[in-house]
C-alpha atoms as a PDB file:
ATOM      1  CA  MET A   1      12.420  -1.647   3.476  1.00  0.00           C
ATOM      2  CA  ALA A   2      13.524  -1.590  -0.147  1.00  0.00           C
ATOM      3  CA  ALA A   3      11.094  -2.930  -2.713  1.00  0.00           C
ATOM      4  CA  VAL A   4      11.933  -6.307  -4.180  1.00  0.00           C
ATOM      5  CA  ARG A   5       9.992  -6.172  -7.447  1.00  0.00           C
ATOM      6  CA  SER A   6      12.544  -7.741  -9.780  1.00  0.00           C
ATOM      7  CA  LYS A   7       9.936  -9.880 -11.532  1.00  0.00           C
ATOM      8  CA  ARG A   8       8.638  -7.988 -14.539  1.00  0.00           C
ATOM      9  CA  ILE A   9       4.873  -7.505 -14.933  1.00  0.00           C
ATOM     10  CA  VAL A  10       3.495  -7.307 -18.442  1.00  0.00           C
ATOM     11  CA  ARG A  11      -0.192  -6.503 -18.748  1.00  0.00           C
ATOM     12  CA  HIS A  12      -1.721  -8.057 -21.835  1.00  0.00           C
ATOM     13  CA  ARG A  13      -5.373  -6.975 -21.537  1.00  0.00           C
ATOM     14  CA  PRO A  14      -7.779  -5.356 -19.067  1.00  0.00           C
ATOM     15  CA  LEU A  15      -9.497  -7.659 -16.601  1.00  0.00           C
ATOM     16  CA  SER A  16     -13.216  -8.355 -16.836  1.00  0.00           C
ATOM     17  CA  LEU A  17     -15.574  -7.495 -13.988  1.00  0.00           C
ATOM     18  CA  ARG A  18     -15.902 -11.212 -13.164  1.00  0.00           C
ATOM     19  CA  GLU A  19     -12.127 -11.600 -13.016  1.00  0.00           C
ATOM     20  CA  LEU A  20     -11.859  -8.626 -10.668  1.00  0.00           C
ATOM     21  CA  GLN A  21     -14.664 -10.075  -8.553  1.00  0.00           C
ATOM     22  CA  ILE A  22     -12.776 -13.366  -8.242  1.00  0.00           C
ATOM     23  CA  LEU A  23      -9.540 -11.587  -7.286  1.00  0.00           C
ATOM     24  CA  GLU A  24     -11.388  -9.544  -4.659  1.00  0.00           C
ATOM     25  CA  LEU A  25     -12.775 -12.734  -3.110  1.00  0.00           C
ATOM     26  CA  PHE A  26      -9.288 -14.278  -3.047  1.00  0.00           C
ATOM     27  CA  ALA A  27      -8.042 -11.069  -1.368  1.00  0.00           C
ATOM     28  CA  GLN A  28     -10.714 -11.547   1.308  1.00  0.00           C
ATOM     29  CA  GLY A  29      -9.268 -14.967   2.090  1.00  0.00           C
ATOM     30  CA  LEU A  30     -11.759 -17.214   0.339  1.00  0.00           C
ATOM     31  CA  GLY A  31     -10.563 -20.377  -1.344  1.00  0.00           C
ATOM     32  CA  LYS A  32     -11.500 -21.507  -4.833  1.00  0.00           C
ATOM     33  CA  HIS A  33     -14.266 -23.800  -3.546  1.00  0.00           C
ATOM     34  CA  GLN A  34     -15.827 -20.996  -1.456  1.00  0.00           C
ATOM     35  CA  ILE A  35     -15.592 -18.558  -4.369  1.00  0.00           C
ATOM     36  CA  GLY A  36     -17.305 -21.050  -6.670  1.00  0.00           C
ATOM     37  CA  ALA A  37     -20.105 -21.550  -4.167  1.00  0.00           C
ATOM     38  CA  GLN A  38     -20.562 -17.801  -3.594  1.00  0.00           C
ATOM     39  CA  LEU A  39     -20.630 -17.004  -7.328  1.00  0.00           C
ATOM     40  CA  HIS A  40     -22.654 -20.130  -8.218  1.00  0.00           C
ATOM     41  CA  ILE A  41     -19.964 -21.438 -10.566  1.00  0.00           C
ATOM     42  CA  GLU A  42     -17.894 -24.610 -10.596  1.00  0.00           C
ATOM     43  CA  GLU A  43     -14.515 -24.686  -8.884  1.00  0.00           C
ATOM     44  CA  LEU A  44     -12.974 -25.518 -12.277  1.00  0.00           C
ATOM     45  CA  THR A  45     -14.494 -22.315 -13.659  1.00  0.00           C
ATOM     46  CA  VAL A  46     -12.791 -20.351 -10.866  1.00  0.00           C
ATOM     47  CA  LEU A  47      -9.492 -22.007 -11.815  1.00  0.00           C
ATOM     48  CA  SER A  48     -10.109 -21.207 -15.482  1.00  0.00           C
ATOM     49  CA  HIS A  49     -10.737 -17.549 -14.619  1.00  0.00           C
ATOM     50  CA  MET A  50      -7.545 -17.512 -12.539  1.00  0.00           C
ATOM     51  CA  GLU A  51      -5.514 -18.874 -15.439  1.00  0.00           C
ATOM     52  CA  ARG A  52      -6.864 -16.128 -17.716  1.00  0.00           C
ATOM     53  CA  ILE A  53      -6.134 -13.528 -15.021  1.00  0.00           C
ATOM     54  CA  ARG A  54      -2.520 -14.710 -14.725  1.00  0.00           C
ATOM     55  CA  GLU A  55      -2.159 -14.568 -18.516  1.00  0.00           C
ATOM     56  CA  ALA A  56      -3.772 -11.110 -18.690  1.00  0.00           C
ATOM     57  CA  LEU A  57      -1.451  -9.699 -16.032  1.00  0.00           C
ATOM     58  CA  GLY A  58       1.618 -11.696 -17.058  1.00  0.00           C
ATOM     59  CA  VAL A  59       2.076 -13.115 -13.536  1.00  0.00           C
ATOM     60  CA  HIS A  60       2.575 -16.581 -12.116  1.00  0.00           C
ATOM     61  CA  SER A  61       0.799 -16.455  -8.756  1.00  0.00           C
ATOM     62  CA  ARG A  62      -2.509 -15.443  -7.210  1.00  0.00           C
ATOM     63  CA  PRO A  63      -0.900 -13.335  -4.467  1.00  0.00           C
ATOM     64  CA  GLN A  64       0.975 -11.350  -7.126  1.00  0.00           C
ATOM     65  CA  ALA A  65      -2.222 -10.848  -9.158  1.00  0.00           C
ATOM     66  CA  VAL A  66      -4.075  -9.685  -6.035  1.00  0.00           C
ATOM     67  CA  ALA A  67      -1.243  -7.289  -5.141  1.00  0.00           C
ATOM     68  CA  ILE A  68      -1.272  -5.749  -8.627  1.00  0.00           C
ATOM     69  CA  VAL A  69      -5.000  -5.022  -8.701  1.00  0.00           C
ATOM     70  CA  LEU A  70      -4.959  -3.732  -5.106  1.00  0.00           C
ATOM     71  CA  ARG A  71      -2.084  -1.369  -5.939  1.00  0.00           C
ATOM     72  CA  GLN A  72      -4.066  -0.127  -8.940  1.00  0.00           C
ATOM     73  CA  GLY A  73      -7.200   0.398  -6.849  1.00  0.00           C
ATOM     74  CA  LEU A  74      -9.250  -2.049  -8.937  1.00  0.00           C
ATOM     75  CA  ILE A  75     -10.523  -4.079  -5.968  1.00  0.00           C
ATOM     76  CA  ARG A  76     -11.262  -3.315  -2.320  1.00  0.00           C
ATOM     77  CA  TYR A  77      -8.978  -4.245   0.536  1.00  0.00           C
ATOM     78  CA  PRO A  78     -10.311  -6.871   2.966  1.00  0.00           C
ATOM     79  CA  SER A  79     -12.097  -5.407   5.967  1.00  0.00           C
ATOM     80  CA  VAL A  80     -10.231  -7.365   8.632  1.00  0.00           C
ATOM     81  CA  ILE A  81      -9.086  -5.553  11.755  1.00  0.00           C
ATOM     82  CA  CYS A  82      -5.404  -5.628  12.730  1.00  0.00           C
ATOM     83  CA  ASN A  83      -5.136  -3.763  16.001  1.00  0.00           C
ATOM     84  CA  GLU A  84      -1.528  -2.903  16.778  1.00  0.00           C
ATOM     85  CA  VAL A  85      -0.065  -5.933  15.023  1.00  0.00           C
ATOM     86  CA  LYS A  86       3.686  -5.589  14.523  1.00  0.00           C
ATOM     87  CA  LEU A  87       5.553  -7.763  12.045  1.00  0.00           C
ATOM     88  CA  THR A  88       9.269  -8.395  12.065  1.00  0.00           C
ATOM     89  CA  THR A  89      11.437  -7.207   9.198  1.00  0.00           C
ATOM     90  CA  ARG A  90      11.830 -10.839   8.116  1.00  0.00           C
ATOM     91  CA  LYS A  91       8.064 -11.423   7.963  1.00  0.00           C
ATOM     92  CA  CYS A  92       7.564  -8.200   5.996  1.00  0.00           C
ATOM     93  CA  ALA A  93      10.283  -9.305   3.563  1.00  0.00           C
ATOM     94  CA  ILE A  94       8.543 -12.645   3.065  1.00  0.00           C
ATOM     95  CA  LEU A  95       5.240 -10.896   2.355  1.00  0.00           C
ATOM     96  CA  GLN A  96       6.944  -8.476  -0.058  1.00  0.00           C
ATOM     97  CA  TYR A  97       8.487 -11.351  -2.000  1.00  0.00           C
ATOM     98  CA  LEU A  98       5.119 -13.141  -2.018  1.00  0.00           C
ATOM     99  CA  ALA A  99       3.356 -10.029  -3.350  1.00  0.00           C
ATOM    100  CA  ASP A 100       6.011  -9.768  -6.044  1.00  0.00           C
ATOM    101  CA  GLY A 101       5.293 -13.264  -7.329  1.00  0.00           C
ATOM    102  CA  TYR A 102       8.002 -15.378  -5.734  1.00  0.00           C
ATOM    103  CA  THR A 103       7.335 -18.985  -4.711  1.00  0.00           C
ATOM    104  CA  ASN A 104       8.085 -20.182  -1.188  1.00  0.00           C
ATOM    105  CA  LYS A 105      11.207 -21.899  -2.521  1.00  0.00           C
ATOM    106  CA  GLU A 106      12.424 -18.713  -4.265  1.00  0.00           C
ATOM    107  CA  ILE A 107      11.741 -16.654  -1.139  1.00  0.00           C
ATOM    108  CA  GLY A 108      13.796 -19.097   0.906  1.00  0.00           C
ATOM    109  CA  LEU A 109      16.697 -18.868  -1.530  1.00  0.00           C
ATOM    110  CA  HIS A 110      16.666 -15.057  -1.403  1.00  0.00           C
ATOM    111  CA  LEU A 111      16.484 -14.938   2.392  1.00  0.00           C
ATOM    112  CA  TYR A 112      18.816 -17.910   3.047  1.00  0.00           C
ATOM    113  CA  ILE A 113      16.139 -19.917   4.828  1.00  0.00           C
ATOM    114  CA  THR A 114      14.398 -23.165   3.934  1.00  0.00           C
ATOM    115  CA  GLU A 115      11.082 -23.404   2.116  1.00  0.00           C
ATOM    116  CA  ASN A 116       9.582 -24.917   5.282  1.00  0.00           C
ATOM    117  CA  THR A 117      10.759 -21.911   7.292  1.00  0.00           C
ATOM    118  CA  VAL A 118       8.976 -19.639   4.810  1.00  0.00           C
ATOM    119  CA  LYS A 119       5.793 -21.694   5.275  1.00  0.00           C
ATOM    120  CA  THR A 120       6.180 -21.476   9.054  1.00  0.00           C
ATOM    121  CA  HIS A 121       6.565 -17.687   8.880  1.00  0.00           C
ATOM    122  CA  LEU A 122       3.412 -17.439   6.729  1.00  0.00           C
ATOM    123  CA  ARG A 123       1.457 -19.540   9.259  1.00  0.00           C
ATOM    124  CA  LEU A 124       2.745 -17.350  12.108  1.00  0.00           C
ATOM    125  CA  ILE A 125       1.823 -14.167  10.243  1.00  0.00           C
ATOM    126  CA  GLY A 126      -1.698 -15.529   9.849  1.00  0.00           C
ATOM    127  CA  ARG A 127      -1.879 -16.314  13.563  1.00  0.00           C
ATOM    128  CA  ASN A 128      -0.500 -12.851  14.453  1.00  0.00           C
ATOM    129  CA  LEU A 129      -3.341 -11.372  12.435  1.00  0.00           C
ATOM    130  CA  GLY A 130      -5.904 -13.626  14.126  1.00  0.00           C
ATOM    131  CA  PHE A 131      -6.564 -15.818  11.073  1.00  0.00           C
ATOM    132  CA  ALA A 132      -6.757 -19.580  10.852  1.00  0.00           C
ATOM    133  CA  ALA A 133      -3.343 -21.251  10.741  1.00  0.00           C
ATOM    134  CA  GLU A 134      -3.657 -21.813   6.982  1.00  0.00           C
ATOM    135  CA  ALA A 135      -4.847 -18.341   5.999  1.00  0.00           C
ATOM    136  CA  GLN A 136      -4.924 -17.709   2.264  1.00  0.00           C
ATOM    137  CA  ARG A 137      -1.693 -16.132   1.056  1.00  0.00           C
ATOM    138  CA  GLU A 138      -3.730 -13.612  -0.944  1.00  0.00           C
ATOM    139  CA  LEU A 139      -5.376 -12.356   2.259  1.00  0.00           C
ATOM    140  CA  LEU A 140      -1.990 -11.973   3.964  1.00  0.00           C
ATOM    141  CA  VAL A 141      -0.673  -9.922   1.025  1.00  0.00           C
ATOM    142  CA  ALA A 142      -3.831  -7.783   0.868  1.00  0.00           C
ATOM    143  CA  VAL A 143      -3.679  -6.947   4.578  1.00  0.00           C
ATOM    144  CA  ALA A 144       0.075  -6.236   4.396  1.00  0.00           C
ATOM    145  CA  LEU A 145      -0.479  -3.802   1.512  1.00  0.00           C
ATOM    146  CA  ARG A 146      -3.380  -2.109   3.292  1.00  0.00           C
ATOM    147  CA  GLU A 147      -1.406  -1.743   6.519  1.00  0.00           C
ATOM    148  CA  GLY A 148       1.650  -0.397   4.708  1.00  0.00           C
ATOM    149  CA  TRP A 149       3.918  -3.253   5.782  1.00  0.00           C
ATOM    150  CA  ILE A 150       4.878  -3.814   2.135  1.00  0.00           C
ATOM    151  CA  GLU A 151       4.766  -1.740  -1.056  1.00  0.00           C
END
């Protein structure tokens, strides 16, 4: 599958250890409330860190930020097991667009499907991988990168 990556990434500054820690927890599928509880910080502080991370990397989404630092080897991949899971070309394309910073609406426009269809595919991908129906998008991207389903 050809890489999508048409959204330009401009890195403004290196990420702090705390920012990398937060991205790694998002990559493991934790939500902002869970991350705050695990790191003993307020949920608003997690959101503040995420805003600074997006500014530092020049990105607009958490999945894109997670994909960038995973590709650079700055955080660990999640340790979930995906025994013989096969994804369709369409699902891989959706994950590639997500990793490249596209919104559900933008993905739908590129693939000629509705935004709701994109959301349905993401839920089904999560189920295929054995996750809860509303698995964090960052976790889906991290697993797809680790498994080689996307670049």
